[in-house]
Amino acid sequence: MGLLPEPEAEAWFIAGFRPTDDDEHARLRACQQRLGFDPTQKPHQLTSAPGRPKEAKRVAKEILGDDQERWERVLEAPFDQLRRIGEETGIVAFLDDIQQQVVPRLG
């Protein structure tokens, strides 16, 4: 892997998402009902196919909205959570690459 995010990189945000208020809980519940599964627990079931009900970009926007700060806070999710939930999305290989190739260069 070469330090490039997968086409379903939005699934990484979904893997790190945990609702913080009633509105976010409601949006996640509505999304779960529409999809028939919890995307925050099974983000690997999402796709990069545009216009599909399971499109990762669509689901991420549905549960995270347009708030850029909220998207950024999701990236603060514990690595163990991202590794456990996002393993099949390609995030584990990406994080491993960062840890092996970038972190040592930072000193």
PDB file of N, CA and C in Angstrom:
ATOM      1  N   MET A   1       0.849  -1.189   0.000  1.00  0.00           N
ATOM      2  CA  MET A   1       0.000   0.000   0.000  1.00  0.00           C
ATOM      3  C   MET A   1       0.882   1.235   0.000  1.00  0.00           C
ATOM      4  N   GLY A   2       0.405   2.314  -0.599  1.00  0.00           N
ATOM      5  CA  GLY A   2       1.248   3.476  -0.739  1.00  0.00           C
ATOM      6  C   GLY A   2       0.731   4.739  -0.099  1.00  0.00           C
ATOM      7  N   LEU A   3       0.208   4.676   1.104  1.00  0.00           N
ATOM      8  CA  LEU A   3      -0.249   5.843   1.837  1.00  0.00           C
ATOM      9  C   LEU A   3      -1.373   6.602   1.151  1.00  0.00           C
ATOM     10  N   LEU A   4      -2.146   5.928   0.349  1.00  0.00           N
ATOM     11  CA  LEU A   4      -3.304   6.555  -0.277  1.00  0.00           C
ATOM     12  C   LEU A   4      -4.567   5.944   0.302  1.00  0.00           C
ATOM     13  N   PRO A   5      -5.561   6.779   0.612  1.00  0.00           N
ATOM     14  CA  PRO A   5      -6.796   6.230   1.150  1.00  0.00           C
ATOM     15  C   PRO A   5      -7.540   5.394   0.109  1.00  0.00           C
ATOM     16  N   GLU A   6      -8.298   4.468   0.594  1.00  0.00           N
ATOM     17  CA  GLU A   6      -9.115   3.618  -0.254  1.00  0.00           C
ATOM     18  C   GLU A   6     -10.270   4.432  -0.833  1.00  0.00           C
ATOM     19  N   PRO A   7     -10.899   3.944  -1.907  1.00  0.00           N
ATOM     20  CA  PRO A   7     -12.051   4.667  -2.459  1.00  0.00           C
ATOM     21  C   PRO A   7     -13.176   4.857  -1.444  1.00  0.00           C
ATOM     22  N   GLU A   8     -13.275   3.959  -0.486  1.00  0.00           N
ATOM     23  CA  GLU A   8     -14.303   4.062   0.541  1.00  0.00           C
ATOM     24  C   GLU A   8     -13.759   4.723   1.802  1.00  0.00           C
ATOM     25  N   ALA A   9     -12.843   5.661   1.662  1.00  0.00           N
ATOM     26  CA  ALA A   9     -12.223   6.289   2.826  1.00  0.00           C
ATOM     27  C   ALA A   9     -13.243   6.926   3.759  1.00  0.00           C
ATOM     28  N   GLU A  10     -14.391   7.324   3.245  1.00  0.00           N
ATOM     29  CA  GLU A  10     -15.432   7.869   4.116  1.00  0.00           C
ATOM     30  C   GLU A  10     -15.864   6.823   5.140  1.00  0.00           C
ATOM     31  N   ALA A  11     -15.717   5.543   4.780  1.00  0.00           N
ATOM     32  CA  ALA A  11     -16.050   4.471   5.725  1.00  0.00           C
ATOM     33  C   ALA A  11     -15.154   4.559   6.957  1.00  0.00           C
ATOM     34  N   TRP A  12     -13.962   5.131   6.809  1.00  0.00           N
ATOM     35  CA  TRP A  12     -13.066   5.296   7.952  1.00  0.00           C
ATOM     36  C   TRP A  12     -13.663   6.284   8.945  1.00  0.00           C
ATOM     37  N   PHE A  13     -14.260   7.347   8.434  1.00  0.00           N
ATOM     38  CA  PHE A  13     -14.920   8.316   9.312  1.00  0.00           C
ATOM     39  C   PHE A  13     -16.097   7.651  10.023  1.00  0.00           C
ATOM     40  N   ILE A  14     -16.816   6.835   9.295  1.00  0.00           N
ATOM     41  CA  ILE A  14     -17.967   6.147   9.872  1.00  0.00           C
ATOM     42  C   ILE A  14     -17.517   5.183  10.960  1.00  0.00           C
ATOM     43  N   ALA A  15     -16.384   4.505  10.759  1.00  0.00           N
ATOM     44  CA  ALA A  15     -15.848   3.589  11.772  1.00  0.00           C
ATOM     45  C   ALA A  15     -15.486   4.336  13.053  1.00  0.00           C
ATOM     46  N   GLY A  16     -15.110   5.594  12.938  1.00  0.00           N
ATOM     47  CA  GLY A  16     -14.740   6.387  14.105  1.00  0.00           C
ATOM     48  C   GLY A  16     -15.891   7.156  14.726  1.00  0.00           C
ATOM     49  N   PHE A  17     -17.030   7.160  14.065  1.00  0.00           N
ATOM     50  CA  PHE A  17     -18.174   7.945  14.530  1.00  0.00           C
ATOM     51  C   PHE A  17     -18.840   7.315  15.744  1.00  0.00           C
ATOM     52  N   ARG A  18     -19.080   8.123  16.757  1.00  0.00           N
ATOM     53  CA  ARG A  18     -19.910   7.770  17.893  1.00  0.00           C
ATOM     54  C   ARG A  18     -20.814   8.967  18.140  1.00  0.00           C
ATOM     55  N   PRO A  19     -22.125   8.760  18.145  1.00  0.00           N
ATOM     56  CA  PRO A  19     -23.046   9.891  18.339  1.00  0.00           C
ATOM     57  C   PRO A  19     -22.781  10.607  19.663  1.00  0.00           C
ATOM     58  N   THR A  20     -22.867  11.925  19.632  1.00  0.00           N
ATOM     59  CA  THR A  20     -22.595  12.716  20.830  1.00  0.00           C
ATOM     60  C   THR A  20     -23.816  13.461  21.364  1.00  0.00           C
ATOM     61  N   ASP A  21     -24.902  13.481  20.591  1.00  0.00           N
ATOM     62  CA  ASP A  21     -26.100  14.174  21.061  1.00  0.00           C
ATOM     63  C   ASP A  21     -27.342  13.488  20.478  1.00  0.00           C
ATOM     64  N   ASP A  22     -28.508  13.956  20.878  1.00  0.00           N
ATOM     65  CA  ASP A  22     -29.763  13.340  20.447  1.00  0.00           C
ATOM     66  C   ASP A  22     -29.930  13.382  18.929  1.00  0.00           C
ATOM     67  N   ASP A  23     -29.533  14.491  18.312  1.00  0.00           N
ATOM     68  CA  ASP A  23     -29.656  14.632  16.867  1.00  0.00           C
ATOM     69  C   ASP A  23     -28.801  13.584  16.144  1.00  0.00           C
ATOM     70  N   GLU A  24     -27.576  13.408  16.602  1.00  0.00           N
ATOM     71  CA  GLU A  24     -26.700  12.411  15.976  1.00  0.00           C
ATOM     72  C   GLU A  24     -27.220  10.995  16.199  1.00  0.00           C
ATOM     73  N   HIS A  25     -27.742  10.730  17.385  1.00  0.00           N
ATOM     74  CA  HIS A  25     -28.342   9.413  17.655  1.00  0.00           C
ATOM     75  C   HIS A  25     -29.513   9.163  16.701  1.00  0.00           C
ATOM     76  N   ALA A  26     -30.344  10.176  16.508  1.00  0.00           N
ATOM     77  CA  ALA A  26     -31.509  10.036  15.620  1.00  0.00           C
ATOM     78  C   ALA A  26     -31.073   9.812  14.173  1.00  0.00           C
ATOM     79  N   ARG A  27     -30.067  10.555  13.721  1.00  0.00           N
ATOM     80  CA  ARG A  27     -29.582  10.377  12.346  1.00  0.00           C
ATOM     81  C   ARG A  27     -29.000   8.982  12.146  1.00  0.00           C
ATOM     82  N   LEU A  28     -28.256   8.493  13.139  1.00  0.00           N
ATOM     83  CA  LEU A  28     -27.684   7.156  13.030  1.00  0.00           C
ATOM     84  C   LEU A  28     -28.787   6.098  13.024  1.00  0.00           C
ATOM     85  N   ARG A  29     -29.777   6.240  13.882  1.00  0.00           N
ATOM     86  CA  ARG A  29     -30.900   5.279  13.901  1.00  0.00           C
ATOM     87  C   ARG A  29     -31.621   5.254  12.561  1.00  0.00           C
ATOM     88  N   ALA A  30     -31.869   6.427  11.990  1.00  0.00           N
ATOM     89  CA  ALA A  30     -32.544   6.502  10.691  1.00  0.00           C
ATOM     90  C   ALA A  30     -31.696   5.828   9.614  1.00  0.00           C
ATOM     91  N   CYS A  31     -30.412   6.044   9.666  1.00  0.00           N
ATOM     92  CA  CYS A  31     -29.500   5.426   8.704  1.00  0.00           C
ATOM     93  C   CYS A  31     -29.493   3.907   8.877  1.00  0.00           C
ATOM     94  N   GLN A  32     -29.449   3.449  10.115  1.00  0.00           N
ATOM     95  CA  GLN A  32     -29.489   2.004  10.389  1.00  0.00           C
ATOM     96  C   GLN A  32     -30.767   1.382   9.826  1.00  0.00           C
ATOM     97  N   GLN A  33     -31.871   2.052  10.029  1.00  0.00           N
ATOM     98  CA  GLN A  33     -33.155   1.541   9.512  1.00  0.00           C
ATOM     99  C   GLN A  33     -33.115   1.459   7.995  1.00  0.00           C
ATOM    100  N   ARG A  34     -32.612   2.487   7.361  1.00  0.00           N
ATOM    101  CA  ARG A  34     -32.563   2.521   5.902  1.00  0.00           C
ATOM    102  C   ARG A  34     -31.647   1.434   5.353  1.00  0.00           C
ATOM    103  N   LEU A  35     -30.499   1.233   5.992  1.00  0.00           N
ATOM    104  CA  LEU A  35     -29.528   0.268   5.496  1.00  0.00           C
ATOM    105  C   LEU A  35     -29.812  -1.170   5.938  1.00  0.00           C
ATOM    106  N   GLY A  36     -30.421  -1.320   7.098  1.00  0.00           N
ATOM    107  CA  GLY A  36     -30.646  -2.660   7.641  1.00  0.00           C
ATOM    108  C   GLY A  36     -29.466  -3.176   8.456  1.00  0.00           C
ATOM    109  N   PHE A  37     -28.494  -2.306   8.736  1.00  0.00           N
ATOM    110  CA  PHE A  37     -27.355  -2.645   9.589  1.00  0.00           C
ATOM    111  C   PHE A  37     -26.755  -1.353  10.135  1.00  0.00           C
ATOM    112  N   ASP A  38     -25.919  -1.487  11.157  1.00  0.00           N
ATOM    113  CA  ASP A  38     -25.267  -0.332  11.756  1.00  0.00           C
ATOM    114  C   ASP A  38     -23.962  -0.061  11.020  1.00  0.00           C
ATOM    115  N   PRO A  39     -23.891   1.025  10.242  1.00  0.00           N
ATOM    116  CA  PRO A  39     -22.680   1.298   9.478  1.00  0.00           C
ATOM    117  C   PRO A  39     -21.480   1.630  10.355  1.00  0.00           C
ATOM    118  N   THR A  40     -21.709   2.045  11.605  1.00  0.00           N
ATOM    119  CA  THR A  40     -20.583   2.349  12.489  1.00  0.00           C
ATOM    120  C   THR A  40     -19.932   1.073  13.010  1.00  0.00           C
ATOM    121  N   GLN A  41     -20.627  -0.051  12.894  1.00  0.00           N
ATOM    122  CA  GLN A  41     -20.069  -1.336  13.310  1.00  0.00           C
ATOM    123  C   GLN A  41     -19.649  -2.198  12.123  1.00  0.00           C
ATOM    124  N   LYS A  42     -20.196  -1.904  10.950  1.00  0.00           N
ATOM    125  CA  LYS A  42     -19.892  -2.677   9.749  1.00  0.00           C
ATOM    126  C   LYS A  42     -19.620  -1.762   8.554  1.00  0.00           C
ATOM    127  N   PRO A  43     -18.667  -0.851   8.694  1.00  0.00           N
ATOM    128  CA  PRO A  43     -18.413   0.091   7.603  1.00  0.00           C
ATOM    129  C   PRO A  43     -17.909  -0.597   6.339  1.00  0.00           C
ATOM    130  N   HIS A  44     -17.387  -1.804   6.462  1.00  0.00           N
ATOM    131  CA  HIS A  44     -16.897  -2.545   5.290  1.00  0.00           C
ATOM    132  C   HIS A  44     -18.031  -2.959   4.357  1.00  0.00           C
ATOM    133  N   GLN A  45     -19.275  -2.868   4.827  1.00  0.00           N
ATOM    134  CA  GLN A  45     -20.408  -3.208   3.979  1.00  0.00           C
ATOM    135  C   GLN A  45     -20.820  -2.041   3.079  1.00  0.00           C
ATOM    136  N   LEU A  46     -20.162  -0.907   3.231  1.00  0.00           N
ATOM    137  CA  LEU A  46     -20.446   0.253   2.392  1.00  0.00           C
ATOM    138  C   LEU A  46     -19.644   0.152   1.104  1.00  0.00           C
ATOM    139  N   THR A  47     -20.004   0.981   0.147  1.00  0.00           N
ATOM    140  CA  THR A  47     -19.382   0.920  -1.178  1.00  0.00           C
ATOM    141  C   THR A  47     -18.989   2.305  -1.656  1.00  0.00           C
ATOM    142  N   SER A  48     -18.190   2.357  -2.692  1.00  0.00           N
ATOM    143  CA  SER A  48     -17.843   3.645  -3.300  1.00  0.00           C
ATOM    144  C   SER A  48     -18.679   3.911  -4.542  1.00  0.00           C
ATOM    145  N   ALA A  49     -19.613   3.017  -4.859  1.00  0.00           N
ATOM    146  CA  ALA A  49     -20.455   3.163  -6.050  1.00  0.00           C
ATOM    147  C   ALA A  49     -21.405   4.356  -5.891  1.00  0.00           C
ATOM    148  N   PRO A  50     -21.222   5.399  -6.695  1.00  0.00           N
ATOM    149  CA  PRO A  50     -22.066   6.594  -6.582  1.00  0.00           C
ATOM    150  C   PRO A  50     -23.550   6.288  -6.769  1.00  0.00           C
ATOM    151  N   GLY A  51     -24.345   6.955  -5.937  1.00  0.00           N
ATOM    152  CA  GLY A  51     -25.787   6.850  -6.060  1.00  0.00           C
ATOM    153  C   GLY A  51     -26.401   5.621  -5.410  1.00  0.00           C
ATOM    154  N   ARG A  52     -25.601   4.712  -4.922  1.00  0.00           N
ATOM    155  CA  ARG A  52     -26.110   3.500  -4.271  1.00  0.00           C
ATOM    156  C   ARG A  52     -26.539   3.824  -2.841  1.00  0.00           C
ATOM    157  N   PRO A  53     -27.539   3.115  -2.324  1.00  0.00           N
ATOM    158  CA  PRO A  53     -27.969   3.355  -0.937  1.00  0.00           C
ATOM    159  C   PRO A  53     -26.852   3.146   0.079  1.00  0.00           C
ATOM    160  N   LYS A  54     -25.914   2.259  -0.214  1.00  0.00           N
ATOM    161  CA  LYS A  54     -24.814   1.971   0.715  1.00  0.00           C
ATOM    162  C   LYS A  54     -23.538   2.743   0.369  1.00  0.00           C
ATOM    163  N   GLU A  55     -23.651   3.772  -0.437  1.00  0.00           N
ATOM    164  CA  GLU A  55     -22.472   4.572  -0.803  1.00  0.00           C
ATOM    165  C   GLU A  55     -21.899   5.229   0.456  1.00  0.00           C
ATOM    166  N   ALA A  56     -20.614   4.996   0.713  1.00  0.00           N
ATOM    167  CA  ALA A  56     -19.963   5.503   1.925  1.00  0.00           C
ATOM    168  C   ALA A  56     -20.072   7.019   2.038  1.00  0.00           C
ATOM    169  N   LYS A  57     -19.882   7.747   0.938  1.00  0.00           N
ATOM    170  CA  LYS A  57     -19.984   9.212   0.977  1.00  0.00           C
ATOM    171  C   LYS A  57     -21.383   9.635   1.435  1.00  0.00           C
ATOM    172  N   ARG A  58     -22.386   8.991   0.898  1.00  0.00           N
ATOM    173  CA  ARG A  58     -23.774   9.316   1.243  1.00  0.00           C
ATOM    174  C   ARG A  58     -24.047   9.041   2.717  1.00  0.00           C
ATOM    175  N   VAL A  59     -23.616   7.875   3.190  1.00  0.00           N
ATOM    176  CA  VAL A  59     -23.849   7.492   4.580  1.00  0.00           C
ATOM    177  C   VAL A  59     -23.100   8.433   5.526  1.00  0.00           C
ATOM    178  N   ALA A  60     -21.857   8.760   5.201  1.00  0.00           N
ATOM    179  CA  ALA A  60     -21.079   9.661   6.052  1.00  0.00           C
ATOM    180  C   ALA A  60     -21.758  11.023   6.162  1.00  0.00           C
ATOM    181  N   LYS A  61     -22.215  11.543   5.041  1.00  0.00           N
ATOM    182  CA  LYS A  61     -22.896  12.841   5.060  1.00  0.00           C
ATOM    183  C   LYS A  61     -24.214  12.746   5.832  1.00  0.00           C
ATOM    184  N   GLU A  62     -24.880  11.611   5.694  1.00  0.00           N
ATOM    185  CA  GLU A  62     -26.154  11.407   6.386  1.00  0.00           C
ATOM    186  C   GLU A  62     -25.968  11.438   7.903  1.00  0.00           C
ATOM    187  N   ILE A  63     -24.925  10.808   8.407  1.00  0.00           N
ATOM    188  CA  ILE A  63     -24.775  10.756   9.865  1.00  0.00           C
ATOM    189  C   ILE A  63     -23.901  11.882  10.418  1.00  0.00           C
ATOM    190  N   LEU A  64     -22.977  12.413   9.609  1.00  0.00           N
ATOM    191  CA  LEU A  64     -22.089  13.478  10.091  1.00  0.00           C
ATOM    192  C   LEU A  64     -22.543  14.874   9.685  1.00  0.00           C
ATOM    193  N   GLY A  65     -23.373  14.963   8.661  1.00  0.00           N
ATOM    194  CA  GLY A  65     -23.830  16.266   8.204  1.00  0.00           C
ATOM    195  C   GLY A  65     -22.733  17.029   7.481  1.00  0.00           C
ATOM    196  N   ASP A  66     -22.838  18.341   7.501  1.00  0.00           N
ATOM    197  CA  ASP A  66     -21.903  19.209   6.783  1.00  0.00           C
ATOM    198  C   ASP A  66     -20.895  19.896   7.705  1.00  0.00           C
ATOM    199  N   ASP A  67     -20.921  19.582   8.973  1.00  0.00           N
ATOM    200  CA  ASP A  67     -20.067  20.238   9.952  1.00  0.00           C
ATOM    201  C   ASP A  67     -18.634  19.706   9.852  1.00  0.00           C
ATOM    202  N   GLN A  68     -17.743  20.488   9.256  1.00  0.00           N
ATOM    203  CA  GLN A  68     -16.354  20.060   9.050  1.00  0.00           C
ATOM    204  C   GLN A  68     -15.660  19.745  10.369  1.00  0.00           C
ATOM    205  N   GLU A  69     -15.953  20.523  11.402  1.00  0.00           N
ATOM    206  CA  GLU A  69     -15.354  20.262  12.714  1.00  0.00           C
ATOM    207  C   GLU A  69     -15.769  18.895  13.238  1.00  0.00           C
ATOM    208  N   ARG A  70     -17.002  18.520  12.990  1.00  0.00           N
ATOM    209  CA  ARG A  70     -17.475  17.207  13.456  1.00  0.00           C
ATOM    210  C   ARG A  70     -16.732  16.101  12.723  1.00  0.00           C
ATOM    211  N   TRP A  71     -16.530  16.259  11.433  1.00  0.00           N
ATOM    212  CA  TRP A  71     -15.768  15.280  10.652  1.00  0.00           C
ATOM    213  C   TRP A  71     -14.362  15.142  11.237  1.00  0.00           C
ATOM    214  N   GLU A  72     -13.750  16.268  11.582  1.00  0.00           N
ATOM    215  CA  GLU A  72     -12.394  16.241  12.129  1.00  0.00           C
ATOM    216  C   GLU A  72     -12.354  15.563  13.498  1.00  0.00           C
ATOM    217  N   ARG A  73     -13.366  15.797  14.326  1.00  0.00           N
ATOM    218  CA  ARG A  73     -13.401  15.170  15.662  1.00  0.00           C
ATOM    219  C   ARG A  73     -13.512  13.653  15.555  1.00  0.00           C
ATOM    220  N   VAL A  74     -14.161  13.174  14.515  1.00  0.00           N
ATOM    221  CA  VAL A  74     -14.276  11.726  14.323  1.00  0.00           C
ATOM    222  C   VAL A  74     -12.890  11.100  14.158  1.00  0.00           C
ATOM    223  N   LEU A  75     -11.966  11.848  13.576  1.00  0.00           N
ATOM    224  CA  LEU A  75     -10.614  11.338  13.377  1.00  0.00           C
ATOM    225  C   LEU A  75      -9.858  11.165  14.693  1.00  0.00           C
ATOM    226  N   GLU A  76     -10.416  11.678  15.780  1.00  0.00           N
ATOM    227  CA  GLU A  76      -9.800  11.523  17.093  1.00  0.00           C
ATOM    228  C   GLU A  76     -10.196  10.207  17.761  1.00  0.00           C
ATOM    229  N   ALA A  77     -10.922   9.371  17.051  1.00  0.00           N
ATOM    230  CA  ALA A  77     -11.326   8.075  17.602  1.00  0.00           C
ATOM    231  C   ALA A  77     -10.078   7.273  17.972  1.00  0.00           C
ATOM    232  N   PRO A  78     -10.154   6.495  19.025  1.00  0.00           N
ATOM    233  CA  PRO A  78      -9.006   5.670  19.423  1.00  0.00           C
ATOM    234  C   PRO A  78      -8.597   4.718  18.301  1.00  0.00           C
ATOM    235  N   PHE A  79      -7.290   4.573  18.103  1.00  0.00           N
ATOM    236  CA  PHE A  79      -6.791   3.692  17.047  1.00  0.00           C
ATOM    237  C   PHE A  79      -7.303   2.269  17.213  1.00  0.00           C
ATOM    238  N   ASP A  80      -7.424   1.797  18.457  1.00  0.00           N
ATOM    239  CA  ASP A  80      -7.894   0.416  18.636  1.00  0.00           C
ATOM    240  C   ASP A  80      -9.318   0.256  18.107  1.00  0.00           C
ATOM    241  N   GLN A  81     -10.140   1.289  18.260  1.00  0.00           N
ATOM    242  CA  GLN A  81     -11.500   1.263  17.709  1.00  0.00           C
ATOM    243  C   GLN A  81     -11.458   1.227  16.183  1.00  0.00           C
ATOM    244  N   LEU A  82     -10.639   2.092  15.594  1.00  0.00           N
ATOM    245  CA  LEU A  82     -10.528   2.126  14.134  1.00  0.00           C
ATOM    246  C   LEU A  82      -9.974   0.811  13.594  1.00  0.00           C
ATOM    247  N   ARG A  83      -9.013   0.249  14.280  1.00  0.00           N
ATOM    248  CA  ARG A  83      -8.425  -1.020  13.841  1.00  0.00           C
ATOM    249  C   ARG A  83      -9.435  -2.166  13.942  1.00  0.00           C
ATOM    250  N   ARG A  84     -10.198  -2.197  15.022  1.00  0.00           N
ATOM    251  CA  ARG A  84     -11.164  -3.277  15.239  1.00  0.00           C
ATOM    252  C   ARG A  84     -12.346  -3.171  14.272  1.00  0.00           C
ATOM    253  N   ILE A  85     -12.925  -2.009  14.176  1.00  0.00           N
ATOM    254  CA  ILE A  85     -14.138  -1.841  13.368  1.00  0.00           C
ATOM    255  C   ILE A  85     -13.814  -1.622  11.896  1.00  0.00           C
ATOM    256  N   GLY A  86     -12.712  -0.927  11.616  1.00  0.00           N
ATOM    257  CA  GLY A  86     -12.407  -0.569  10.238  1.00  0.00           C
ATOM    258  C   GLY A  86     -11.454  -1.497   9.520  1.00  0.00           C
ATOM    259  N   GLU A  87     -11.141  -2.632  10.130  1.00  0.00           N
ATOM    260  CA  GLU A  87     -10.138  -3.520   9.547  1.00  0.00           C
ATOM    261  C   GLU A  87     -10.405  -3.854   8.092  1.00  0.00           C
ATOM    262  N   GLU A  88     -11.643  -4.165   7.758  1.00  0.00           N
ATOM    263  CA  GLU A  88     -11.967  -4.576   6.395  1.00  0.00           C
ATOM    264  C   GLU A  88     -12.155  -3.407   5.430  1.00  0.00           C
ATOM    265  N   THR A  89     -11.954  -2.179   5.911  1.00  0.00           N
ATOM    266  CA  THR A  89     -12.100  -1.002   5.047  1.00  0.00           C
ATOM    267  C   THR A  89     -10.766  -0.520   4.495  1.00  0.00           C
ATOM    268  N   GLY A  90      -9.671  -1.123   4.923  1.00  0.00           N
ATOM    269  CA  GLY A  90      -8.352  -0.708   4.473  1.00  0.00           C
ATOM    270  C   GLY A  90      -7.658   0.257   5.415  1.00  0.00           C
ATOM    271  N   ILE A  91      -8.343   0.681   6.475  1.00  0.00           N
ATOM    272  CA  ILE A  91      -7.730   1.666   7.370  1.00  0.00           C
ATOM    273  C   ILE A  91      -6.568   1.084   8.168  1.00  0.00           C
ATOM    274  N   VAL A  92      -6.606  -0.201   8.492  1.00  0.00           N
ATOM    275  CA  VAL A  92      -5.524  -0.801   9.272  1.00  0.00           C
ATOM    276  C   VAL A  92      -4.220  -0.750   8.479  1.00  0.00           C
ATOM    277  N   ALA A  93      -4.272  -1.134   7.224  1.00  0.00           N
ATOM    278  CA  ALA A  93      -3.071  -1.074   6.384  1.00  0.00           C
ATOM    279  C   ALA A  93      -2.585   0.364   6.243  1.00  0.00           C
ATOM    280  N   PHE A  94      -3.519   1.296   6.106  1.00  0.00           N
ATOM    281  CA  PHE A  94      -3.159   2.703   5.984  1.00  0.00           C
ATOM    282  C   PHE A  94      -2.477   3.194   7.267  1.00  0.00           C
ATOM    283  N   LEU A  95      -3.065   2.891   8.432  1.00  0.00           N
ATOM    284  CA  LEU A  95      -2.474   3.307   9.700  1.00  0.00           C
ATOM    285  C   LEU A  95      -1.104   2.659   9.909  1.00  0.00           C
ATOM    286  N   ASP A  96      -0.981   1.401   9.524  1.00  0.00           N
ATOM    287  CA  ASP A  96       0.314   0.718   9.627  1.00  0.00           C
ATOM    288  C   ASP A  96       1.358   1.411   8.754  1.00  0.00           C
ATOM    289  N   ASP A  97       0.969   1.780   7.537  1.00  0.00           N
ATOM    290  CA  ASP A  97       1.886   2.495   6.650  1.00  0.00           C
ATOM    291  C   ASP A  97       2.319   3.832   7.257  1.00  0.00           C
ATOM    292  N   ILE A  98       1.375   4.548   7.821  1.00  0.00           N
ATOM    293  CA  ILE A  98       1.689   5.830   8.461  1.00  0.00           C
ATOM    294  C   ILE A  98       2.679   5.604   9.595  1.00  0.00           C
ATOM    295  N   GLN A  99       2.383   4.608  10.421  1.00  0.00           N
ATOM    296  CA  GLN A  99       3.238   4.332  11.572  1.00  0.00           C
ATOM    297  C   GLN A  99       4.644   3.898  11.138  1.00  0.00           C
ATOM    298  N   GLN A 100       4.740   3.135  10.073  1.00  0.00           N
ATOM    299  CA  GLN A 100       6.032   2.617   9.635  1.00  0.00           C
ATOM    300  C   GLN A 100       6.817   3.598   8.754  1.00  0.00           C
ATOM    301  N   GLN A 101       6.105   4.400   7.955  1.00  0.00           N
ATOM    302  CA  GLN A 101       6.798   5.229   6.974  1.00  0.00           C
ATOM    303  C   GLN A 101       6.864   6.704   7.347  1.00  0.00           C
ATOM    304  N   VAL A 102       5.844   7.207   8.022  1.00  0.00           N
ATOM    305  CA  VAL A 102       5.799   8.638   8.311  1.00  0.00           C
ATOM    306  C   VAL A 102       6.300   8.960   9.711  1.00  0.00           C
ATOM    307  N   VAL A 103       5.791   8.250  10.695  1.00  0.00           N
ATOM    308  CA  VAL A 103       6.143   8.553  12.087  1.00  0.00           C
ATOM    309  C   VAL A 103       7.665   8.526  12.312  1.00  0.00           C
ATOM    310  N   PRO A 104       8.395   7.525  11.813  1.00  0.00           N
ATOM    311  CA  PRO A 104       9.849   7.533  12.034  1.00  0.00           C
ATOM    312  C   PRO A 104      10.542   8.772  11.438  1.00  0.00           C
ATOM    313  N   ARG A 105      10.028   9.299  10.374  1.00  0.00           N
ATOM    314  CA  ARG A 105      10.610  10.504   9.756  1.00  0.00           C
ATOM    315  C   ARG A 105      10.351  11.767  10.563  1.00  0.00           C
ATOM    316  N   LEU A 106       9.339  11.699  11.406  1.00  0.00           N
ATOM    317  CA  LEU A 106       9.017  12.857  12.240  1.00  0.00           C
ATOM    318  C   LEU A 106       9.939  12.945  13.456  1.00  0.00           C
ATOM    319  N   GLY A 107      10.619  11.844  13.728  1.00  0.00           N
ATOM    320  CA  GLY A 107      11.607  11.824  14.809  1.00  0.00           C
ATOM    321  C   GLY A 107      10.994  11.533  16.081  1.00  0.00           C
TER     322      GLY A 107
END
